[in-house]
Amino acid sequence: MLNPPTMPPALLLQDISLTFGTTPLLAGAGLAVAPGDRVCLVGRNGSGKSTLLRIAAGLMPPDSGRRFAQPGATIRYLPQEPDLSGFPTTLAYVEAGLVTEADADRHRARYLLEQLGLTGDEPPATLSGGEARRAALARVLAPSPDILLLDEPTNHLDMRAKDVLLTALQEYTGTVVFVSHDRYFIDRLATRVFEIEDGQVTVYLGNYEDYLWRKQGGGVDAAADVGLAAPVEALVEAVPKAPEKRLNPIKLRQIKERQNALEQEVAHLEEEIAAAETALANFVSIEETRRQTELIESHRSNLAALMAEWEQVAQLLAAHS
């Protein structure tokens, strides 16, 4: 018997079917997303990930099935190829997506642009693909919507822009559904992975590593098929009450490897500090004394950071031993 859900889903798609020409793309696909959830849609190219995201955004009607979003919820959708035409500047483009004209919202719009490496004064026609992508990200993030639907949000982004986006989404308290092939990004954001295969959706709790682990045979019972003609109750039941954090064998091995690497780095730095202190004891010149002193201070700072990380890793391993 199904347990009664504790809250309605933020976003619900039930029995979604869609055919392009004579080719079925989605066949009874179901999707239920909890408020505050971070869901990644994965699957082979052409499996229907972007199409399902557009249906979730209300931009494409399915052939059959139904869509539900929380009443009054604000939704922002990021397409793979954003269109900035018709706006004089990137700031005007971002501000056009705001819910209100409040000064705080306008300040947030410019702040996000600056964090993503734009001034806000750029004419959209002069932007590169990566710059247009960053402007589009600022537009969907600026109003702090209830639900974010992002199609390949890290495309054309450098590592700094990816980290800015990741930090913004980790601090964001709303619901995120995103399509991505970026494993680094998925691992650090997703609380669940939804795999689209043969027109239907299978749910996997956890990040991309958890998904791969279960695909390889670990935790088989944790995967839930919410596909063909799934009743609303089954879809709602697939929404976790509180995603559990735990370490699968892949993650555990990686953490142990990181601990070993930290120990080697600590030992190396301690040797470097000892060598610099020995050199400092033998006066050569004022310039050399200053250089060795600065080197020791830098090494000690790096050593303190490594030791702090090592303690965190050790505590995590102890908690899961």
C-alpha atoms as a PDB file:
ATOM      1  CA  MET A   1       0.000   0.000   0.000  1.00  0.00           C
ATOM      2  CA  LEU A   2       1.226   3.502  -0.850  1.00  0.00           C
ATOM      3  CA  ASN A   3       2.021   5.795   2.047  1.00  0.00           C
ATOM      4  CA  PRO A   4       0.162   9.118   1.877  1.00  0.00           C
ATOM      5  CA  PRO A   5       2.440  11.877   0.507  1.00  0.00           C
ATOM      6  CA  THR A   6       3.462  14.629   2.911  1.00  0.00           C
ATOM      7  CA  MET A   7       3.209  17.369   0.284  1.00  0.00           C
ATOM      8  CA  PRO A   8       2.022  17.774  -3.304  1.00  0.00           C
ATOM      9  CA  PRO A   9       4.733  17.783  -5.988  1.00  0.00           C
ATOM     10  CA  ALA A  10       6.035  21.097  -7.300  1.00  0.00           C
ATOM     11  CA  LEU A  11       5.780  19.713 -10.825  1.00  0.00           C
ATOM     12  CA  LEU A  12       3.928  16.658 -12.095  1.00  0.00           C
ATOM     13  CA  LEU A  13       3.700  15.091 -15.555  1.00  0.00           C
ATOM     14  CA  GLN A  14       1.486  12.034 -15.909  1.00  0.00           C
ATOM     15  CA  ASP A  15       1.268   9.549 -18.792  1.00  0.00           C
ATOM     16  CA  ILE A  16       2.938  11.908 -21.279  1.00  0.00           C
ATOM     17  CA  SER A  17       3.036  10.623 -24.869  1.00  0.00           C
ATOM     18  CA  LEU A  18       4.357  12.393 -27.945  1.00  0.00           C
ATOM     19  CA  THR A  19       5.064  11.231 -31.473  1.00  0.00           C
ATOM     20  CA  PHE A  20       7.150  13.014 -34.103  1.00  0.00           C
ATOM     21  CA  GLY A  21       5.931  11.942 -37.513  1.00  0.00           C
ATOM     22  CA  THR A  22       5.599   8.191 -37.163  1.00  0.00           C
ATOM     23  CA  THR A  23       8.260   7.878 -34.448  1.00  0.00           C
ATOM     24  CA  PRO A  24       7.092   7.643 -30.807  1.00  0.00           C
ATOM     25  CA  LEU A  25       9.355   9.812 -28.642  1.00  0.00           C
ATOM     26  CA  LEU A  26       7.584   9.677 -25.272  1.00  0.00           C
ATOM     27  CA  ALA A  27       5.283   6.805 -24.373  1.00  0.00           C
ATOM     28  CA  GLY A  28       3.473   7.195 -21.065  1.00  0.00           C
ATOM     29  CA  ALA A  29       6.343   9.089 -19.399  1.00  0.00           C
ATOM     30  CA  GLY A  30       5.761  10.235 -15.824  1.00  0.00           C
ATOM     31  CA  LEU A  31       7.643  12.780 -13.749  1.00  0.00           C
ATOM     32  CA  ALA A  32       7.066  14.023 -10.197  1.00  0.00           C
ATOM     33  CA  VAL A  33       9.342  16.622  -8.617  1.00  0.00           C
ATOM     34  CA  ALA A  34       9.240  17.654  -4.969  1.00  0.00           C
ATOM     35  CA  PRO A  35       9.505  21.286  -3.833  1.00  0.00           C
ATOM     36  CA  GLY A  36      13.184  22.095  -3.411  1.00  0.00           C
ATOM     37  CA  ASP A  37      14.293  19.019  -5.363  1.00  0.00           C
ATOM     38  CA  ARG A  38      17.200  19.084  -7.851  1.00  0.00           C
ATOM     39  CA  VAL A  39      16.447  16.636 -10.653  1.00  0.00           C
ATOM     40  CA  CYS A  40      18.712  15.859 -13.595  1.00  0.00           C
ATOM     41  CA  LEU A  41      17.260  14.333 -16.763  1.00  0.00           C
ATOM     42  CA  VAL A  42      19.675  11.951 -18.469  1.00  0.00           C
ATOM     43  CA  GLY A  43      19.464   9.664 -21.474  1.00  0.00           C
ATOM     44  CA  ARG A  44      20.966   9.110 -24.886  1.00  0.00           C
ATOM     45  CA  ASN A  45      20.756  11.866 -27.502  1.00  0.00           C
ATOM     46  CA  GLY A  46      17.286  11.959 -29.033  1.00  0.00           C
ATOM     47  CA  SER A  47      15.644  10.204 -26.084  1.00  0.00           C
ATOM     48  CA  GLY A  48      13.312  13.152 -25.398  1.00  0.00           C
ATOM     49  CA  LYS A  49      15.036  14.976 -22.516  1.00  0.00           C
ATOM     50  CA  SER A  50      14.710  18.476 -23.971  1.00  0.00           C
ATOM     51  CA  THR A  51      11.194  17.729 -25.222  1.00  0.00           C
ATOM     52  CA  LEU A  52      10.045  16.592 -21.780  1.00  0.00           C
ATOM     53  CA  LEU A  53      11.584  19.741 -20.278  1.00  0.00           C
ATOM     54  CA  ARG A  54       9.656  21.921 -22.746  1.00  0.00           C
ATOM     55  CA  ILE A  55       6.443  20.083 -21.892  1.00  0.00           C
ATOM     56  CA  ALA A  56       7.189  20.657 -18.190  1.00  0.00           C
ATOM     57  CA  ALA A  57       7.653  24.365 -18.948  1.00  0.00           C
ATOM     58  CA  GLY A  58       4.250  24.460 -20.664  1.00  0.00           C
ATOM     59  CA  LEU A  59       5.839  25.405 -24.003  1.00  0.00           C
ATOM     60  CA  MET A  60       4.878  22.238 -25.894  1.00  0.00           C
ATOM     61  CA  PRO A  61       1.631  20.294 -25.589  1.00  0.00           C
ATOM     62  CA  PRO A  62       1.929  16.486 -25.539  1.00  0.00           C
ATOM     63  CA  ASP A  63      -0.253  14.250 -27.677  1.00  0.00           C
ATOM     64  CA  SER A  64      -1.747  12.878 -24.459  1.00  0.00           C
ATOM     65  CA  GLY A  65      -1.207  13.087 -20.708  1.00  0.00           C
ATOM     66  CA  ARG A  66      -1.431  15.906 -18.217  1.00  0.00           C
ATOM     67  CA  ARG A  67       0.812  18.502 -16.618  1.00  0.00           C
ATOM     68  CA  PHE A  68       0.461  19.986 -13.135  1.00  0.00           C
ATOM     69  CA  ALA A  69       2.487  22.757 -11.471  1.00  0.00           C
ATOM     70  CA  GLN A  70       1.958  24.238  -8.035  1.00  0.00           C
ATOM     71  CA  PRO A  71      -0.717  26.950  -8.286  1.00  0.00           C
ATOM     72  CA  GLY A  72       0.860  30.403  -8.454  1.00  0.00           C
ATOM     73  CA  ALA A  73       4.371  29.030  -8.895  1.00  0.00           C
ATOM     74  CA  THR A  74       6.713  31.116 -11.052  1.00  0.00           C
ATOM     75  CA  ILE A  75       8.633  29.043 -13.619  1.00  0.00           C
ATOM     76  CA  ARG A  76      11.670  30.057 -15.653  1.00  0.00           C
ATOM     77  CA  TYR A  77      12.959  28.007 -18.582  1.00  0.00           C
ATOM     78  CA  LEU A  78      16.462  28.150 -20.084  1.00  0.00           C
ATOM     79  CA  PRO A  79      16.611  26.862 -23.690  1.00  0.00           C
ATOM     80  CA  GLN A  80      19.769  25.515 -25.285  1.00  0.00           C
ATOM     81  CA  GLU A  81      19.883  28.454 -27.694  1.00  0.00           C
ATOM     82  CA  PRO A  82      18.587  31.639 -25.996  1.00  0.00           C
ATOM     83  CA  ASP A  83      17.299  34.481 -28.190  1.00  0.00           C
ATOM     84  CA  LEU A  84      18.503  37.933 -27.078  1.00  0.00           C
ATOM     85  CA  SER A  85      17.351  39.788 -30.192  1.00  0.00           C
ATOM     86  CA  GLY A  86      15.300  42.931 -29.742  1.00  0.00           C
ATOM     87  CA  PHE A  87      17.088  44.164 -26.612  1.00  0.00           C
ATOM     88  CA  PRO A  88      19.578  47.080 -26.600  1.00  0.00           C
ATOM     89  CA  THR A  89      21.751  45.651 -23.798  1.00  0.00           C
ATOM     90  CA  THR A  90      22.215  42.475 -21.796  1.00  0.00           C
ATOM     91  CA  LEU A  91      20.874  44.269 -18.712  1.00  0.00           C
ATOM     92  CA  ALA A  92      17.658  45.209 -20.554  1.00  0.00           C
ATOM     93  CA  TYR A  93      17.302  41.571 -21.610  1.00  0.00           C
ATOM     94  CA  VAL A  94      17.709  40.320 -18.028  1.00  0.00           C
ATOM     95  CA  GLU A  95      15.423  42.969 -16.526  1.00  0.00           C
ATOM     96  CA  ALA A  96      12.678  42.026 -19.008  1.00  0.00           C
ATOM     97  CA  GLY A  97      12.459  38.681 -17.231  1.00  0.00           C
ATOM     98  CA  LEU A  98      11.903  40.143 -13.767  1.00  0.00           C
ATOM     99  CA  VAL A  99       8.595  39.620 -12.000  1.00  0.00           C
ATOM    100  CA  THR A 100       8.622  43.101 -10.434  1.00  0.00           C
ATOM    101  CA  GLU A 101      10.414  46.390 -10.975  1.00  0.00           C
ATOM    102  CA  ALA A 102      11.709  46.500  -7.397  1.00  0.00           C
ATOM    103  CA  ASP A 103      15.150  48.051  -6.942  1.00  0.00           C
ATOM    104  CA  ALA A 104      16.320  44.876  -5.194  1.00  0.00           C
ATOM    105  CA  ASP A 105      15.421  42.808  -8.254  1.00  0.00           C
ATOM    106  CA  ARG A 106      17.199  45.222 -10.593  1.00  0.00           C
ATOM    107  CA  HIS A 107      20.263  45.182  -8.367  1.00  0.00           C
ATOM    108  CA  ARG A 108      20.241  41.371  -8.376  1.00  0.00           C
ATOM    109  CA  ALA A 109      20.034  41.371 -12.188  1.00  0.00           C
ATOM    110  CA  ARG A 110      23.164  43.508 -12.547  1.00  0.00           C
ATOM    111  CA  TYR A 111      24.938  41.597  -9.760  1.00  0.00           C
ATOM    112  CA  LEU A 112      24.355  38.262 -11.506  1.00  0.00           C
ATOM    113  CA  LEU A 113      25.597  39.649 -14.807  1.00  0.00           C
ATOM    114  CA  GLU A 114      28.769  40.916 -13.145  1.00  0.00           C
ATOM    115  CA  GLN A 115      29.307  37.597 -11.366  1.00  0.00           C
ATOM    116  CA  LEU A 116      29.017  35.875 -14.746  1.00  0.00           C
ATOM    117  CA  GLY A 117      31.575  38.211 -16.317  1.00  0.00           C
ATOM    118  CA  LEU A 118      29.262  40.707 -18.050  1.00  0.00           C
ATOM    119  CA  THR A 119      28.783  44.414 -17.404  1.00  0.00           C
ATOM    120  CA  GLY A 120      25.162  44.631 -18.508  1.00  0.00           C
ATOM    121  CA  ASP A 121      25.965  47.247 -21.166  1.00  0.00           C
ATOM    122  CA  GLU A 122      26.891  44.806 -23.950  1.00  0.00           C
ATOM    123  CA  PRO A 123      24.729  44.892 -27.115  1.00  0.00           C
ATOM    124  CA  PRO A 124      23.424  41.321 -27.534  1.00  0.00           C
ATOM    125  CA  ALA A 125      24.503  41.253 -31.183  1.00  0.00           C
ATOM    126  CA  THR A 126      28.154  41.438 -30.098  1.00  0.00           C
ATOM    127  CA  LEU A 127      28.005  38.494 -27.675  1.00  0.00           C
ATOM    128  CA  SER A 128      29.745  35.187 -28.182  1.00  0.00           C
ATOM    129  CA  GLY A 129      27.845  31.952 -27.598  1.00  0.00           C
ATOM    130  CA  GLY A 130      29.216  31.667 -24.071  1.00  0.00           C
ATOM    131  CA  GLU A 131      28.377  35.296 -23.240  1.00  0.00           C
ATOM    132  CA  ALA A 132      24.819  34.899 -24.540  1.00  0.00           C
ATOM    133  CA  ARG A 133      24.490  31.774 -22.398  1.00  0.00           C
ATOM    134  CA  ARG A 134      25.641  33.659 -19.303  1.00  0.00           C
ATOM    135  CA  ALA A 135      23.174  36.488 -19.970  1.00  0.00           C
ATOM    136  CA  ALA A 136      20.373  33.932 -20.334  1.00  0.00           C
ATOM    137  CA  LEU A 137      21.350  32.327 -17.031  1.00  0.00           C
ATOM    138  CA  ALA A 138      21.218  35.709 -15.300  1.00  0.00           C
ATOM    139  CA  ARG A 139      17.739  36.270 -16.768  1.00  0.00           C
ATOM    140  CA  VAL A 140      16.284  33.028 -15.358  1.00  0.00           C
ATOM    141  CA  LEU A 141      18.052  33.353 -11.985  1.00  0.00           C
ATOM    142  CA  ALA A 142      17.378  37.049 -11.313  1.00  0.00           C
ATOM    143  CA  PRO A 143      13.671  36.802 -10.371  1.00  0.00           C
ATOM    144  CA  SER A 144      14.338  33.871  -7.953  1.00  0.00           C
ATOM    145  CA  PRO A 145      11.482  31.786  -9.416  1.00  0.00           C
ATOM    146  CA  ASP A 146       9.849  28.853  -7.658  1.00  0.00           C
ATOM    147  CA  ILE A 147      10.873  26.395 -10.397  1.00  0.00           C
ATOM    148  CA  LEU A 148      13.881  26.468 -12.734  1.00  0.00           C
ATOM    149  CA  LEU A 149      13.929  24.330 -15.883  1.00  0.00           C
ATOM    150  CA  LEU A 150      17.406  24.374 -17.441  1.00  0.00           C
ATOM    151  CA  ASP A 151      18.400  22.739 -20.739  1.00  0.00           C
ATOM    152  CA  GLU A 152      22.179  22.110 -20.767  1.00  0.00           C
ATOM    153  CA  PRO A 153      22.937  25.109 -18.491  1.00  0.00           C
ATOM    154  CA  THR A 154      26.737  24.645 -18.593  1.00  0.00           C
ATOM    155  CA  ASN A 155      27.051  24.664 -22.402  1.00  0.00           C
ATOM    156  CA  HIS A 156      29.702  27.188 -23.582  1.00  0.00           C
ATOM    157  CA  LEU A 157      30.653  28.075 -19.987  1.00  0.00           C
ATOM    158  CA  ASP A 158      34.220  28.151 -18.685  1.00  0.00           C
ATOM    159  CA  MET A 159      35.038  26.702 -15.259  1.00  0.00           C
ATOM    160  CA  ARG A 160      34.660  30.033 -13.458  1.00  0.00           C
ATOM    161  CA  ALA A 161      31.187  30.623 -14.908  1.00  0.00           C
ATOM    162  CA  LYS A 162      30.245  27.015 -14.087  1.00  0.00           C
ATOM    163  CA  ASP A 163      31.281  27.520 -10.469  1.00  0.00           C
ATOM    164  CA  VAL A 164      29.319  30.783 -10.237  1.00  0.00           C
ATOM    165  CA  LEU A 165      26.233  29.017 -11.618  1.00  0.00           C
ATOM    166  CA  LEU A 166      26.718  26.015  -9.346  1.00  0.00           C
ATOM    167  CA  THR A 167      27.035  28.231  -6.259  1.00  0.00           C
ATOM    168  CA  ALA A 168      23.910  30.184  -7.233  1.00  0.00           C
ATOM    169  CA  LEU A 169      21.906  26.981  -7.700  1.00  0.00           C
ATOM    170  CA  GLN A 170      23.204  25.423  -4.471  1.00  0.00           C
ATOM    171  CA  GLU A 171      22.051  28.541  -2.579  1.00  0.00           C
ATOM    172  CA  TYR A 172      18.743  28.685  -4.469  1.00  0.00           C
ATOM    173  CA  THR A 173      15.862  27.318  -2.380  1.00  0.00           C
ATOM    174  CA  GLY A 174      13.432  26.556  -5.213  1.00  0.00           C
ATOM    175  CA  THR A 175      13.024  23.515  -7.435  1.00  0.00           C
ATOM    176  CA  VAL A 176      15.431  22.689 -10.278  1.00  0.00           C
ATOM    177  CA  VAL A 177      14.954  20.297 -13.189  1.00  0.00           C
ATOM    178  CA  PHE A 178      17.854  20.271 -15.624  1.00  0.00           C
ATOM    179  CA  VAL A 179      19.260  18.397 -18.604  1.00  0.00           C
ATOM    180  CA  SER A 180      23.037  18.003 -18.546  1.00  0.00           C
ATOM    181  CA  HIS A 181      25.921  15.840 -19.732  1.00  0.00           C
ATOM    182  CA  ASP A 182      28.358  17.587 -17.373  1.00  0.00           C
ATOM    183  CA  ARG A 183      29.206  14.965 -14.741  1.00  0.00           C
ATOM    184  CA  TYR A 184      30.969  17.452 -12.443  1.00  0.00           C
ATOM    185  CA  PHE A 185      27.884  19.677 -12.458  1.00  0.00           C
ATOM    186  CA  ILE A 186      25.415  16.811 -11.978  1.00  0.00           C
ATOM    187  CA  ASP A 187      27.364  15.274  -9.087  1.00  0.00           C
ATOM    188  CA  ARG A 188      27.377  18.539  -7.158  1.00  0.00           C
ATOM    189  CA  LEU A 189      23.767  19.547  -7.763  1.00  0.00           C
ATOM    190  CA  ALA A 190      21.432  16.598  -8.378  1.00  0.00           C
ATOM    191  CA  THR A 191      19.468  14.959  -5.574  1.00  0.00           C
ATOM    192  CA  ARG A 192      17.853  12.571  -8.053  1.00  0.00           C
ATOM    193  CA  VAL A 193      18.504  11.414 -11.605  1.00  0.00           C
ATOM    194  CA  PHE A 194      15.612  10.702 -13.982  1.00  0.00           C
ATOM    195  CA  GLU A 195      16.631   8.488 -16.904  1.00  0.00           C
ATOM    196  CA  ILE A 196      14.580   8.697 -20.091  1.00  0.00           C
ATOM    197  CA  GLU A 197      14.747   5.478 -22.078  1.00  0.00           C
ATOM    198  CA  ASP A 198      12.308   3.961 -24.580  1.00  0.00           C
ATOM    199  CA  GLY A 199       9.917   6.843 -24.015  1.00  0.00           C
ATOM    200  CA  GLN A 200       9.565   6.351 -20.255  1.00  0.00           C
ATOM    201  CA  VAL A 201      11.195   7.648 -17.085  1.00  0.00           C
ATOM    202  CA  THR A 202      13.005   5.743 -14.329  1.00  0.00           C
ATOM    203  CA  VAL A 203      13.918   7.522 -11.079  1.00  0.00           C
ATOM    204  CA  TYR A 204      17.242   7.084  -9.276  1.00  0.00           C
ATOM    205  CA  LEU A 205      17.891   8.700  -5.902  1.00  0.00           C
ATOM    206  CA  GLY A 206      21.169  10.575  -5.500  1.00  0.00           C
ATOM    207  CA  ASN A 207      23.672  12.149  -7.882  1.00  0.00           C
ATOM    208  CA  TYR A 208      25.262  10.849 -11.064  1.00  0.00           C
ATOM    209  CA  GLU A 209      27.624   8.494  -9.226  1.00  0.00           C
ATOM    210  CA  ASP A 210      24.663   6.966  -7.386  1.00  0.00           C
ATOM    211  CA  TYR A 211      22.885   6.572 -10.745  1.00  0.00           C
ATOM    212  CA  LEU A 212      25.877   4.795 -12.298  1.00  0.00           C
ATOM    213  CA  TRP A 213      26.236   2.577  -9.223  1.00  0.00           C
ATOM    214  CA  ARG A 214      22.620   1.453  -9.442  1.00  0.00           C
ATOM    215  CA  LYS A 215      22.852   0.975 -13.212  1.00  0.00           C
ATOM    216  CA  GLN A 216      25.762  -1.385 -12.493  1.00  0.00           C
ATOM    217  CA  GLY A 217      23.587  -3.424 -10.122  1.00  0.00           C
ATOM    218  CA  GLY A 218      23.899  -1.642  -6.774  1.00  0.00           C
ATOM    219  CA  GLY A 219      20.745  -0.738  -4.828  1.00  0.00           C
ATOM    220  CA  VAL A 220      18.417  -2.158  -7.461  1.00  0.00           C
ATOM    221  CA  ASP A 221      15.337  -1.667  -5.291  1.00  0.00           C
ATOM    222  CA  ALA A 222      15.994   2.079  -5.026  1.00  0.00           C
ATOM    223  CA  ALA A 223      15.076   2.694  -8.669  1.00  0.00           C
ATOM    224  CA  ALA A 224      11.423   3.433  -9.317  1.00  0.00           C
ATOM    225  CA  ASP A 225       9.788   3.208 -12.728  1.00  0.00           C
ATOM    226  CA  VAL A 226       7.117   5.902 -12.958  1.00  0.00           C
ATOM    227  CA  GLY A 227       6.341   5.461 -16.617  1.00  0.00           C
ATOM    228  CA  LEU A 228       3.441   4.070 -18.626  1.00  0.00           C
ATOM    229  CA  ALA A 229       0.021   4.986 -17.247  1.00  0.00           C
ATOM    230  CA  ALA A 230       1.414   5.508 -13.740  1.00  0.00           C
ATOM    231  CA  PRO A 231      -1.324   6.702 -11.350  1.00  0.00           C
ATOM    232  CA  VAL A 232      -0.891  10.076  -9.681  1.00  0.00           C
ATOM    233  CA  GLU A 233      -0.370   8.354  -6.319  1.00  0.00           C
ATOM    234  CA  ALA A 234       2.611   6.402  -7.683  1.00  0.00           C
ATOM    235  CA  LEU A 235       4.117   9.533  -9.151  1.00  0.00           C
ATOM    236  CA  VAL A 236       3.715  11.449  -5.902  1.00  0.00           C
ATOM    237  CA  GLU A 237       5.132   8.517  -3.950  1.00  0.00           C
ATOM    238  CA  ALA A 238       8.277   8.736  -6.111  1.00  0.00           C
ATOM    239  CA  VAL A 239       8.939  12.156  -4.568  1.00  0.00           C
ATOM    240  CA  PRO A 240      11.295  11.625  -1.598  1.00  0.00           C
ATOM    241  CA  LYS A 241      10.257  13.139   1.715  1.00  0.00           C
ATOM    242  CA  ALA A 242      13.903  13.999   2.415  1.00  0.00           C
ATOM    243  CA  PRO A 243      16.742  12.840   0.152  1.00  0.00           C
ATOM    244  CA  GLU A 244      19.107  10.735   2.207  1.00  0.00           C
ATOM    245  CA  LYS A 245      22.847  11.367   2.059  1.00  0.00           C
ATOM    246  CA  ARG A 246      24.966   8.245   2.051  1.00  0.00           C
ATOM    247  CA  LEU A 247      28.104   6.957   0.449  1.00  0.00           C
ATOM    248  CA  ASN A 248      28.005   4.331  -2.247  1.00  0.00           C
ATOM    249  CA  PRO A 249      31.132   2.219  -2.915  1.00  0.00           C
ATOM    250  CA  ILE A 250      32.276   4.436  -5.807  1.00  0.00           C
ATOM    251  CA  LYS A 251      32.086   7.596  -3.695  1.00  0.00           C
ATOM    252  CA  LEU A 252      33.675   5.838  -0.712  1.00  0.00           C
ATOM    253  CA  ARG A 253      36.629   4.714  -2.818  1.00  0.00           C
ATOM    254  CA  GLN A 254      37.112   8.223  -4.206  1.00  0.00           C
ATOM    255  CA  ILE A 255      37.100   9.731  -0.722  1.00  0.00           C
ATOM    256  CA  LYS A 256      39.683   7.213   0.481  1.00  0.00           C
ATOM    257  CA  GLU A 257      41.845   7.997  -2.541  1.00  0.00           C
ATOM    258  CA  ARG A 258      41.538  11.702  -1.717  1.00  0.00           C
ATOM    259  CA  GLN A 259      42.593  11.010   1.868  1.00  0.00           C
ATOM    260  CA  ASN A 260      45.719   9.174   0.648  1.00  0.00           C
ATOM    261  CA  ALA A 261      46.520  12.008  -1.754  1.00  0.00           C
ATOM    262  CA  LEU A 262      46.114  14.568   1.034  1.00  0.00           C
ATOM    263  CA  GLU A 263      48.481  12.634   3.263  1.00  0.00           C
ATOM    264  CA  GLN A 264      51.107  12.590   0.508  1.00  0.00           C
ATOM    265  CA  GLU A 265      50.673  16.326  -0.110  1.00  0.00           C
ATOM    266  CA  VAL A 266      50.972  17.057   3.611  1.00  0.00           C
ATOM    267  CA  ALA A 267      54.190  15.020   3.856  1.00  0.00           C
ATOM    268  CA  HIS A 268      55.632  16.803   0.813  1.00  0.00           C
ATOM    269  CA  LEU A 269      54.805  20.258   2.198  1.00  0.00           C
ATOM    270  CA  GLU A 270      56.331  19.400   5.564  1.00  0.00           C
ATOM    271  CA  GLU A 271      59.550  18.437   3.762  1.00  0.00           C
ATOM    272  CA  GLU A 272      59.466  21.703   1.804  1.00  0.00           C
ATOM    273  CA  ILE A 273      58.983  23.722   4.997  1.00  0.00           C
ATOM    274  CA  ALA A 274      61.858  21.922   6.706  1.00  0.00           C
ATOM    275  CA  ALA A 275      64.143  22.563   3.704  1.00  0.00           C
ATOM    276  CA  ALA A 276      63.182  26.251   3.600  1.00  0.00           C
ATOM    277  CA  GLU A 277      63.790  26.622   7.336  1.00  0.00           C
ATOM    278  CA  THR A 278      67.239  25.038   6.910  1.00  0.00           C
ATOM    279  CA  ALA A 279      68.020  27.438   4.053  1.00  0.00           C
ATOM    280  CA  LEU A 280      66.789  30.363   6.154  1.00  0.00           C
ATOM    281  CA  ALA A 281      69.257  29.460   8.918  1.00  0.00           C
ATOM    282  CA  ASN A 282      72.152  30.055   6.501  1.00  0.00           C
ATOM    283  CA  PHE A 283      72.196  33.777   5.655  1.00  0.00           C
ATOM    284  CA  VAL A 284      72.924  34.545   2.021  1.00  0.00           C
ATOM    285  CA  SER A 285      71.287  37.904   1.384  1.00  0.00           C
ATOM    286  CA  ILE A 286      68.364  40.024   2.501  1.00  0.00           C
ATOM    287  CA  GLU A 287      66.507  39.194  -0.709  1.00  0.00           C
ATOM    288  CA  GLU A 288      67.027  35.447  -0.203  1.00  0.00           C
ATOM    289  CA  THR A 289      65.941  35.678   3.442  1.00  0.00           C
ATOM    290  CA  ARG A 290      62.763  37.472   2.365  1.00  0.00           C
ATOM    291  CA  ARG A 291      62.094  34.885  -0.352  1.00  0.00           C
ATOM    292  CA  GLN A 292      62.543  31.927   2.004  1.00  0.00           C
ATOM    293  CA  THR A 293      60.368  33.598   4.661  1.00  0.00           C
ATOM    294  CA  GLU A 294      57.554  34.192   2.164  1.00  0.00           C
ATOM    295  CA  LEU A 295      57.920  30.626   0.901  1.00  0.00           C
ATOM    296  CA  ILE A 296      57.586  29.208   4.419  1.00  0.00           C
ATOM    297  CA  GLU A 297      54.500  31.337   5.104  1.00  0.00           C
ATOM    298  CA  SER A 298      52.907  30.179   1.827  1.00  0.00           C
ATOM    299  CA  HIS A 299      53.678  26.519   2.559  1.00  0.00           C
ATOM    300  CA  ARG A 300      52.275  26.781   6.088  1.00  0.00           C
ATOM    301  CA  SER A 301      49.087  28.382   4.790  1.00  0.00           C
ATOM    302  CA  ASN A 302      48.675  25.601   2.229  1.00  0.00           C
ATOM    303  CA  LEU A 303      49.458  23.010   4.899  1.00  0.00           C
ATOM    304  CA  ALA A 304      46.741  24.378   7.188  1.00  0.00           C
ATOM    305  CA  ALA A 305      44.202  24.158   4.349  1.00  0.00           C
ATOM    306  CA  LEU A 306      45.222  20.580   3.539  1.00  0.00           C
ATOM    307  CA  MET A 307      45.022  19.539   7.186  1.00  0.00           C
ATOM    308  CA  ALA A 308      41.539  21.072   7.499  1.00  0.00           C
ATOM    309  CA  GLU A 309      40.388  19.136   4.426  1.00  0.00           C
ATOM    310  CA  TRP A 310      42.020  15.954   5.729  1.00  0.00           C
ATOM    311  CA  GLU A 311      40.104  16.277   9.018  1.00  0.00           C
ATOM    312  CA  GLN A 312      36.814  16.679   7.126  1.00  0.00           C
ATOM    313  CA  VAL A 313      37.561  13.622   4.987  1.00  0.00           C
ATOM    314  CA  ALA A 314      38.566  11.583   8.047  1.00  0.00           C
ATOM    315  CA  GLN A 315      35.348  12.522   9.864  1.00  0.00           C
ATOM    316  CA  LEU A 316      33.269  11.592   6.802  1.00  0.00           C
ATOM    317  CA  LEU A 317      34.963   8.204   6.517  1.00  0.00           C
ATOM    318  CA  ALA A 318      34.574   7.578  10.250  1.00  0.00           C
ATOM    319  CA  ALA A 319      30.847   8.345  10.017  1.00  0.00           C
ATOM    320  CA  HIS A 320      30.422   5.778   7.234  1.00  0.00           C
ATOM    321  CA  SER A 321      32.807   3.078   8.422  1.00  0.00           C
END
